PDB file of N, CA and C in Angstrom:
ATOM      1  N   ARG A   1     -18.450   5.217 -25.506  1.00  0.00           N
ATOM      2  CA  ARG A   1     -17.382   4.859 -24.555  1.00  0.00           C
ATOM      3  C   ARG A   1     -17.752   5.296 -23.144  1.00  0.00           C
ATOM      4  N   LYS A   2     -17.924   4.336 -22.255  1.00  0.00           N
ATOM      5  CA  LYS A   2     -18.191   4.787 -20.886  1.00  0.00           C
ATOM      6  C   LYS A   2     -16.900   4.847 -20.084  1.00  0.00           C
ATOM      7  N   GLY A   3     -16.947   5.534 -18.969  1.00  0.00           N
ATOM      8  CA  GLY A   3     -15.754   5.682 -18.147  1.00  0.00           C
ATOM      9  C   GLY A   3     -14.786   6.707 -18.686  1.00  0.00           C
ATOM     10  N   GLU A   4     -15.274   7.588 -19.548  1.00  0.00           N
ATOM     11  CA  GLU A   4     -14.418   8.644 -20.087  1.00  0.00           C
ATOM     12  C   GLU A   4     -14.219   9.721 -19.030  1.00  0.00           C
ATOM     13  N   VAL A   5     -12.965  10.082 -18.797  1.00  0.00           N
ATOM     14  CA  VAL A   5     -12.670  11.069 -17.757  1.00  0.00           C
ATOM     15  C   VAL A   5     -12.379  12.411 -18.386  1.00  0.00           C
ATOM     16  N   ARG A   6     -13.159  13.422 -17.959  1.00  0.00           N
ATOM     17  CA  ARG A   6     -12.937  14.773 -18.447  1.00  0.00           C
ATOM     18  C   ARG A   6     -11.900  15.432 -17.553  1.00  0.00           C
ATOM     19  N   GLU A   7     -10.990  16.172 -18.171  1.00  0.00           N
ATOM     20  CA  GLU A   7      -9.969  16.871 -17.383  1.00  0.00           C
ATOM     21  C   GLU A   7     -10.611  18.012 -16.608  1.00  0.00           C
ATOM     22  N   PRO A   8     -10.419  18.033 -15.286  1.00  0.00           N
ATOM     23  CA  PRO A   8     -10.959  19.162 -14.517  1.00  0.00           C
ATOM     24  C   PRO A   8     -10.197  20.437 -14.851  1.00  0.00           C
ATOM     25  N   SER A   9     -10.904  21.541 -14.835  1.00  0.00           N
ATOM     26  CA  SER A   9     -10.255  22.816 -15.135  1.00  0.00           C
ATOM     27  C   SER A   9      -9.554  23.359 -13.899  1.00  0.00           C
ATOM     28  N   ILE A  10      -8.702  24.354 -14.105  1.00  0.00           N
ATOM     29  CA  ILE A  10      -7.991  24.986 -12.994  1.00  0.00           C
ATOM     30  C   ILE A  10      -8.991  25.548 -11.984  1.00  0.00           C
ATOM     31  N   ALA A  11     -10.056  26.161 -12.484  1.00  0.00           N
ATOM     32  CA  ALA A  11     -11.072  26.739 -11.601  1.00  0.00           C
ATOM     33  C   ALA A  11     -11.691  25.665 -10.711  1.00  0.00           C
ATOM     34  N   GLU A  12     -11.913  24.489 -11.281  1.00  0.00           N
ATOM     35  CA  GLU A  12     -12.491  23.395 -10.501  1.00  0.00           C
ATOM     36  C   GLU A  12     -11.525  22.935  -9.415  1.00  0.00           C
ATOM     37  N   TYR A  13     -10.242  22.863  -9.758  1.00  0.00           N
ATOM     38  CA  TYR A  13      -9.242  22.491  -8.756  1.00  0.00           C
ATOM     39  C   TYR A  13      -9.218  23.506  -7.622  1.00  0.00           C
ATOM     40  N   LYS A  14      -9.216  24.793  -7.994  1.00  0.00           N
ATOM     41  CA  LYS A  14      -9.176  25.857  -6.986  1.00  0.00           C
ATOM     42  C   LYS A  14     -10.378  25.771  -6.072  1.00  0.00           C
ATOM     43  N   TYR A  15     -11.552  25.541  -6.661  1.00  0.00           N
ATOM     44  CA  TYR A  15     -12.776  25.442  -5.875  1.00  0.00           C
ATOM     45  C   TYR A  15     -12.683  24.274  -4.905  1.00  0.00           C
ATOM     46  N   GLU A  16     -12.199  23.145  -5.386  1.00  0.00           N
ATOM     47  CA  GLU A  16     -12.080  21.946  -4.563  1.00  0.00           C
ATOM     48  C   GLU A  16     -11.112  22.171  -3.409  1.00  0.00           C
ATOM     49  N   ILE A  17      -9.998  22.829  -3.689  1.00  0.00           N
ATOM     50  CA  ILE A  17      -9.004  23.113  -2.654  1.00  0.00           C
ATOM     51  C   ILE A  17      -9.601  24.008  -1.575  1.00  0.00           C
ATOM     52  N   GLU A  18     -10.330  25.043  -1.987  1.00  0.00           N
ATOM     53  CA  GLU A  18     -10.968  25.939  -1.020  1.00  0.00           C
ATOM     54  C   GLU A  18     -11.954  25.176  -0.142  1.00  0.00           C
ATOM     55  N   ARG A  19     -12.712  24.281  -0.776  1.00  0.00           N
ATOM     56  CA  ARG A  19     -13.706  23.502  -0.039  1.00  0.00           C
ATOM     57  C   ARG A  19     -13.028  22.609   1.001  1.00  0.00           C
ATOM     58  N   LEU A  20     -11.933  21.973   0.600  1.00  0.00           N
ATOM     59  CA  LEU A  20     -11.209  21.102   1.518  1.00  0.00           C
ATOM     60  C   LEU A  20     -10.601  21.883   2.672  1.00  0.00           C
ATOM     61  N   LYS A  21     -10.100  23.085   2.371  1.00  0.00           N
ATOM     62  CA  LYS A  21      -9.541  23.933   3.430  1.00  0.00           C
ATOM     63  C   LYS A  21     -10.605  24.257   4.458  1.00  0.00           C
ATOM     64  N   MET A  22     -11.797  24.610   3.965  1.00  0.00           N
ATOM     65  CA  MET A  22     -12.901  24.935   4.855  1.00  0.00           C
ATOM     66  C   MET A  22     -13.242  23.737   5.740  1.00  0.00           C
ATOM     67  N   GLU A  23     -13.308  22.557   5.134  1.00  0.00           N
ATOM     68  CA  GLU A  23     -13.616  21.343   5.886  1.00  0.00           C
ATOM     69  C   GLU A  23     -12.566  21.085   6.952  1.00  0.00           C
ATOM     70  N   ASN A  24     -11.297  21.289   6.604  1.00  0.00           N
ATOM     71  CA  ASN A  24     -10.218  21.086   7.569  1.00  0.00           C
ATOM     72  C   ASN A  24     -10.356  22.024   8.751  1.00  0.00           C
ATOM     73  N   GLU A  25     -10.664  23.292   8.467  1.00  0.00           N
ATOM     74  CA  GLU A  25     -10.836  24.280   9.531  1.00  0.00           C
ATOM     75  C   GLU A  25     -11.967  23.862  10.469  1.00  0.00           C
ATOM     76  N   LEU A  26     -13.100  23.467   9.883  1.00  0.00           N
ATOM     77  CA  LEU A  26     -14.249  23.075  10.689  1.00  0.00           C
ATOM     78  C   LEU A  26     -13.929  21.855  11.541  1.00  0.00           C
ATOM     79  N   LEU A  27     -13.238  20.891  10.945  1.00  0.00           N
ATOM     80  CA  LEU A  27     -12.876  19.673  11.659  1.00  0.00           C
ATOM     81  C   LEU A  27     -11.938  19.989  12.816  1.00  0.00           C
ATOM     82  N   ARG A  28     -10.972  20.867  12.567  1.00  0.00           N
ATOM     83  CA  ARG A  28     -10.005  21.245  13.595  1.00  0.00           C
ATOM     84  C   ARG A  28     -10.714  21.930  14.762  1.00  0.00           C
ATOM     85  N   ASP A  29     -11.625  22.846  14.420  1.00  0.00           N
ATOM     86  CA  ASP A  29     -12.377  23.545  15.462  1.00  0.00           C
ATOM     87  C   ASP A  29     -13.219  22.558  16.274  1.00  0.00           C
ATOM     88  N   PHE A  30     -13.825  21.617  15.577  1.00  0.00           N
ATOM     89  CA  PHE A  30     -14.655  20.620  16.247  1.00  0.00           C
ATOM     90  C   PHE A  30     -13.822  19.779  17.211  1.00  0.00           C
ATOM     91  N   LEU A  31     -12.672  19.316  16.749  1.00  0.00           N
ATOM     92  CA  LEU A  31     -11.809  18.504  17.603  1.00  0.00           C
ATOM     93  C   LEU A  31     -11.324  19.293  18.809  1.00  0.00           C
ATOM     94  N   ARG A  32     -10.987  20.559  18.582  1.00  0.00           N
ATOM     95  CA  ARG A  32     -10.540  21.412  19.682  1.00  0.00           C
ATOM     96  C   ARG A  32     -11.632  21.550  20.732  1.00  0.00           C
ATOM     97  N   SER A  33     -12.860  21.731  20.279  1.00  0.00           N
ATOM     98  CA  SER A  33     -13.963  21.929  21.223  1.00  0.00           C
ATOM     99  C   SER A  33     -14.258  20.649  22.006  1.00  0.00           C
ATOM    100  N   THR A  34     -14.037  19.487  21.406  1.00  0.00           N
ATOM    101  CA  THR A  34     -14.299  18.235  22.124  1.00  0.00           C
ATOM    102  C   THR A  34     -13.176  17.936  23.116  1.00  0.00           C
ATOM    103  N   GLU A  35     -11.971  18.396  22.831  1.00  0.00           N
ATOM    104  CA  GLU A  35     -10.845  18.143  23.734  1.00  0.00           C
ATOM    105  C   GLU A  35     -10.971  18.895  25.048  1.00  0.00           C
ATOM    106  N   ARG A  36     -11.716  20.007  25.043  1.00  0.00           N
ATOM    107  CA  ARG A  36     -11.798  20.851  26.235  1.00  0.00           C
ATOM    108  C   ARG A  36     -12.535  20.210  27.400  1.00  0.00           C
ATOM    109  N   LYS A  37     -13.304  19.173  27.127  1.00  0.00           N
ATOM    110  CA  LYS A  37     -14.110  18.562  28.193  1.00  0.00           C
ATOM    111  C   LYS A  37     -13.251  17.935  29.286  1.00  0.00           C
TER     112      LYS A  37
END
């Protein structure tokens, strides 16, 4: 059976959330620095 979806674990969700938070912070800082010009 192809296309079988494995349920992500809680740890995987937590890791993903942390990663997204980091990306958001970096993006926000980047936008702030470009606005200063």
